[in-house]
């Protein structure tokens, strides 16, 4: 694997993109579960997700970098990850508490709660040893998509390209996420960002977070 390609894969599939991406996926799959007749009908929810889960964390990390609180945007050093993790925890918790106040699809609420749980575990573990946030992030979306298919009966995702409408089966989406997980783990290992224990530790956290989230949502 080429080093530039591995770096590109790490950037494209960084977990910071996932909350917004999963919102788009579930809005396309079932807007009615969000109380909408059409995807993206509620511009406030889309904008809120974009700002809180993506723009504000990115701005926070850039400020830390410019202020010399972190030496690199790659966050290679374990202790340099503490600040960005805390920022993401704050924004993700803020977002979860906000969306809890009005109707969103239960599977999406489960995803955000599971991602929050996984991030807490990654943060606490990072105080002692590194663990892969990439592994936790991709494993989380894989586990959540399986729950969407098995428990919430999501079957297809319709989408439009120009004037044509296509559908993608959820089984294919799950297979794509599994392939992405393998590629991301391979890329992080190739770049020597993590060893095998750190990578699989992240995967376990991502899966565990979603399992705990679905149990909590059933109780609530």
Protein backbone atom coordinates (compact mmCIF):
# COMPACT_ATOMS: atom_id res chain seq x y z
CA UNK A 1 0.00 0.00 0.00
CA UNK A 2 1.27 3.46 -0.93
CA UNK A 3 1.90 5.76 2.06
CA UNK A 4 0.01 8.66 0.47
CA UNK A 5 -2.96 6.40 -0.22
CA UNK A 6 -2.94 5.11 3.36
CA UNK A 7 -2.85 8.70 4.66
CA UNK A 8 -5.74 9.67 2.38
CA UNK A 9 -7.77 6.71 3.64
CA UNK A 10 -7.09 7.79 7.24
CA UNK A 11 -8.36 11.29 6.48
CA UNK A 12 -11.42 10.28 4.43
CA UNK A 13 -12.53 7.73 7.02
CA UNK A 14 -11.68 9.74 10.11
CA UNK A 15 -14.47 9.29 12.71
CA UNK A 16 -15.06 13.04 12.86
CA UNK A 17 -17.05 12.75 9.59
CA UNK A 18 -19.28 9.89 10.75
CA UNK A 19 -22.10 11.60 12.73
CA UNK A 20 -23.00 13.79 9.76
CA UNK A 21 -22.55 10.90 7.32
CA UNK A 22 -24.80 8.59 9.33
CA UNK A 23 -27.46 11.30 9.57
CA UNK A 24 -27.46 11.60 5.77
CA UNK A 25 -27.65 7.80 5.42
CA UNK A 26 -30.67 7.45 7.70
CA UNK A 27 -32.44 10.51 6.31
CA UNK A 28 -32.21 8.93 2.87
CA UNK A 29 -33.23 5.50 4.16
CA UNK A 30 -36.24 6.55 6.25
CA UNK A 31 -37.07 10.26 6.60
CA UNK A 32 -40.41 9.36 8.21
CA UNK A 33 -38.52 8.10 11.28
CA UNK A 34 -37.29 11.69 11.68
CA UNK A 35 -40.81 13.08 11.33
CA UNK A 36 -40.15 14.22 7.77
CA UNK A 37 -41.84 13.35 4.50
CA UNK A 38 -38.69 13.97 2.46
CA UNK A 39 -34.95 13.70 3.26
CA UNK A 40 -33.36 16.99 4.36
CA UNK A 41 -36.76 18.60 4.92
CA UNK A 42 -35.55 19.71 8.36
CA UNK A 43 -32.65 21.97 7.48
CA UNK A 44 -32.13 22.88 11.14
CA UNK A 45 -31.25 19.28 12.08
CA UNK A 46 -28.83 18.97 9.16
CA UNK A 47 -27.19 22.31 9.93
CA UNK A 48 -27.03 21.58 13.66
CA UNK A 49 -25.30 18.25 13.00
CA UNK A 50 -22.86 19.82 10.57
CA UNK A 51 -21.90 22.62 12.96
CA UNK A 52 -21.78 20.76 16.29
CA UNK A 53 -20.36 17.43 15.15
CA UNK A 54 -18.02 18.56 12.40
CA UNK A 55 -17.23 22.27 12.09
CA UNK A 56 -16.78 23.09 15.79
CA UNK A 57 -14.53 20.06 16.53
CA UNK A 58 -12.41 20.85 13.45
CA UNK A 59 -12.10 24.50 14.47
CA UNK A 60 -11.17 23.47 18.03
CA UNK A 61 -8.40 21.18 16.78
CA UNK A 62 -7.08 23.86 14.43
CA UNK A 63 -6.98 26.36 17.31
CA UNK A 64 -5.07 23.84 19.46
CA UNK A 65 -2.61 23.34 16.61
CA UNK A 66 -2.13 27.07 15.97
CA UNK A 67 -1.71 27.65 19.71
CA UNK A 68 1.02 24.96 19.82
CA UNK A 69 -1.04 22.84 22.20
CA UNK A 70 -0.60 20.01 19.72
CA UNK A 71 2.39 19.66 17.41
CA UNK A 72 0.58 17.99 14.50
CA UNK A 73 -2.92 17.52 13.15
CA UNK A 74 -2.10 13.81 12.90
CA UNK A 75 -2.02 13.58 16.73
CA UNK A 76 0.67 10.94 16.70
CA UNK A 77 1.57 11.48 20.37
CA UNK A 78 -0.79 9.87 22.87
CA UNK A 79 -0.97 12.83 25.25
CA UNK A 80 -1.68 15.26 22.40
CA UNK A 81 -4.97 13.46 21.81
CA UNK A 82 -6.39 14.44 25.20
CA UNK A 83 -7.46 17.97 24.19
CA UNK A 84 -9.15 16.98 20.90
CA UNK A 85 -10.88 14.04 22.62
CA UNK A 86 -12.26 16.32 25.35
CA UNK A 87 -13.50 18.80 22.73
CA UNK A 88 -15.21 16.05 20.74
CA UNK A 89 -16.75 14.59 23.90
CA UNK A 90 -18.24 17.98 24.82
CA UNK A 91 -19.66 18.60 21.36
CA UNK A 92 -21.01 15.07 20.95
CA UNK A 93 -22.68 15.15 24.39
CA UNK A 94 -24.16 18.57 23.61
CA UNK A 95 -25.49 17.23 20.32
CA UNK A 96 -26.95 14.09 21.88
CA UNK A 97 -28.78 16.07 24.56
CA UNK A 98 -30.14 18.41 21.88
CA UNK A 99 -31.47 15.72 19.53
CA UNK A 100 -33.00 13.93 22.52
CA UNK A 101 -35.40 16.84 22.86
CA UNK A 102 -37.16 16.20 19.55
CA UNK A 103 -37.85 13.35 17.19
CA UNK A 104 -35.00 11.62 15.42
CA UNK A 105 -34.83 8.03 14.22
CA UNK A 106 -34.13 5.69 17.17
CA UNK A 107 -31.33 3.98 15.25
CA UNK A 108 -29.58 7.33 14.75
CA UNK A 109 -30.01 8.26 18.40
CA UNK A 110 -28.54 4.86 19.23
CA UNK A 111 -25.58 5.57 16.94
CA UNK A 112 -24.78 8.90 18.60
CA UNK A 113 -25.09 7.44 22.11
CA UNK A 114 -22.91 4.46 21.13
CA UNK A 115 -20.31 6.75 19.57
CA UNK A 116 -20.29 8.82 22.76
CA UNK A 117 -19.77 5.72 24.92
CA UNK A 118 -16.98 4.46 22.64
CA UNK A 119 -15.30 7.88 22.67
CA UNK A 120 -15.37 7.96 26.49
CA UNK A 121 -13.69 4.55 26.57
CA UNK A 122 -11.09 5.61 23.99
CA UNK A 123 -10.37 8.79 25.97
CA UNK A 124 -9.97 6.98 29.31
CA UNK A 125 -7.76 4.28 27.78
CA UNK A 126 -5.67 6.92 26.02
CA UNK A 127 -4.61 8.26 29.42
CA UNK A 128 -2.52 5.10 29.76
CA UNK A 129 -2.06 3.55 26.30
CA UNK A 130 -3.01 4.49 22.76
CA UNK A 131 -6.09 2.95 21.18
CA UNK A 132 -7.40 3.43 17.66
CA UNK A 133 -10.17 6.02 17.36
CA UNK A 134 -10.38 5.11 13.66
CA UNK A 135 -11.04 1.48 14.60
CA UNK A 136 -13.70 2.47 17.14
CA UNK A 137 -15.37 4.85 14.68
CA UNK A 138 -15.66 2.48 11.72
CA UNK A 139 -16.60 -0.51 13.91
CA UNK A 140 -19.34 1.66 15.41
CA UNK A 141 -20.95 2.49 12.07
CA UNK A 142 -20.67 -1.15 11.01
CA UNK A 143 -22.38 -2.37 14.19
CA UNK A 144 -25.03 0.33 13.95
CA UNK A 145 -25.83 -0.52 10.32
CA UNK A 146 -26.26 -4.17 11.32
CA UNK A 147 -28.67 -3.09 14.07
CA UNK A 148 -30.55 -0.91 11.56
CA UNK A 149 -30.98 -3.92 9.28
CA UNK A 150 -31.74 -6.57 11.88
CA UNK A 151 -33.59 -4.70 14.63
CA UNK A 152 -35.08 -1.63 12.93
CA UNK A 153 -35.93 -3.33 9.60
CA UNK A 154 -34.02 -0.98 7.33
CA UNK A 155 -33.85 -2.64 3.92
CA UNK A 156 -32.80 -0.14 1.25
CA UNK A 157 -31.38 3.34 0.84
CA UNK A 158 -32.85 5.22 -2.14
CA UNK A 159 -30.78 8.00 -3.68
CA UNK A 160 -30.95 10.17 -6.76
CA UNK A 161 -28.26 10.76 -9.37
CA UNK A 162 -29.35 13.48 -11.78
CA UNK A 163 -32.89 12.46 -12.77
CA UNK A 164 -32.55 8.75 -11.96
CA UNK A 165 -33.41 7.10 -8.63
CA UNK A 166 -31.40 4.11 -7.41
CA UNK A 167 -31.58 1.89 -4.34
CA UNK A 168 -28.85 0.24 -2.30
CA UNK A 169 -29.66 -2.78 -0.14
CA UNK A 170 -28.61 -2.58 3.50
CA UNK A 171 -26.77 -5.89 3.15
CA UNK A 172 -24.52 -4.20 0.60
CA UNK A 173 -24.05 -1.18 2.88
CA UNK A 174 -23.00 -3.51 5.71
CA UNK A 175 -20.54 -5.27 3.40
CA UNK A 176 -19.13 -1.89 2.32
CA UNK A 177 -18.66 -0.80 5.94
CA UNK A 178 -16.93 -4.12 6.75
CA UNK A 179 -14.57 -3.58 3.80
CA UNK A 180 -13.91 0.00 4.91
CA UNK A 181 -13.09 -1.25 8.42
CA UNK A 182 -10.54 -3.71 7.02
CA UNK A 183 -8.96 -1.06 4.76
CA UNK A 184 -8.79 1.52 7.56
CA UNK A 185 -7.18 -0.93 10.00
CA UNK A 186 -4.69 -1.96 7.33
CA UNK A 187 -3.88 1.69 6.57
CA UNK A 188 -3.35 2.62 10.22
CA UNK A 189 -1.12 -0.41 10.72
CA UNK A 190 0.83 0.33 7.53
CA UNK A 191 1.43 3.92 8.65
CA UNK A 192 2.65 2.56 12.02
CA UNK A 193 0.11 4.71 13.87
CA UNK A 194 -1.05 1.73 15.92
CA UNK A 195 -0.08 -1.83 16.69
CA UNK A 196 -2.53 -4.73 16.42
CA UNK A 197 -3.61 -4.55 20.06
CA UNK A 198 -4.45 -0.84 19.77
CA UNK A 199 -6.37 -1.40 16.52
CA UNK A 200 -8.47 -4.28 17.80
CA UNK A 201 -9.00 -2.49 21.10
CA UNK A 202 -10.58 0.35 19.15
CA UNK A 203 -12.77 -2.08 17.20
CA UNK A 204 -13.99 -3.67 20.44
CA UNK A 205 -14.83 -0.25 21.89
CA UNK A 206 -16.81 0.70 18.79
CA UNK A 207 -18.84 -2.51 18.89
CA UNK A 208 -19.29 -2.37 22.67
CA UNK A 209 -20.52 1.24 22.52
CA UNK A 210 -23.32 0.36 20.09
CA UNK A 211 -24.35 -2.74 22.06
CA UNK A 212 -24.60 -0.74 25.29
CA UNK A 213 -26.47 2.06 23.47
CA UNK A 214 -29.18 -0.24 22.14
CA UNK A 215 -29.71 -1.68 25.62
CA UNK A 216 -29.98 1.80 27.13
CA UNK A 217 -32.41 2.98 24.46
CA UNK A 218 -34.60 -0.08 25.08
CA UNK A 219 -34.69 0.83 28.79
CA UNK A 220 -35.43 4.49 28.09
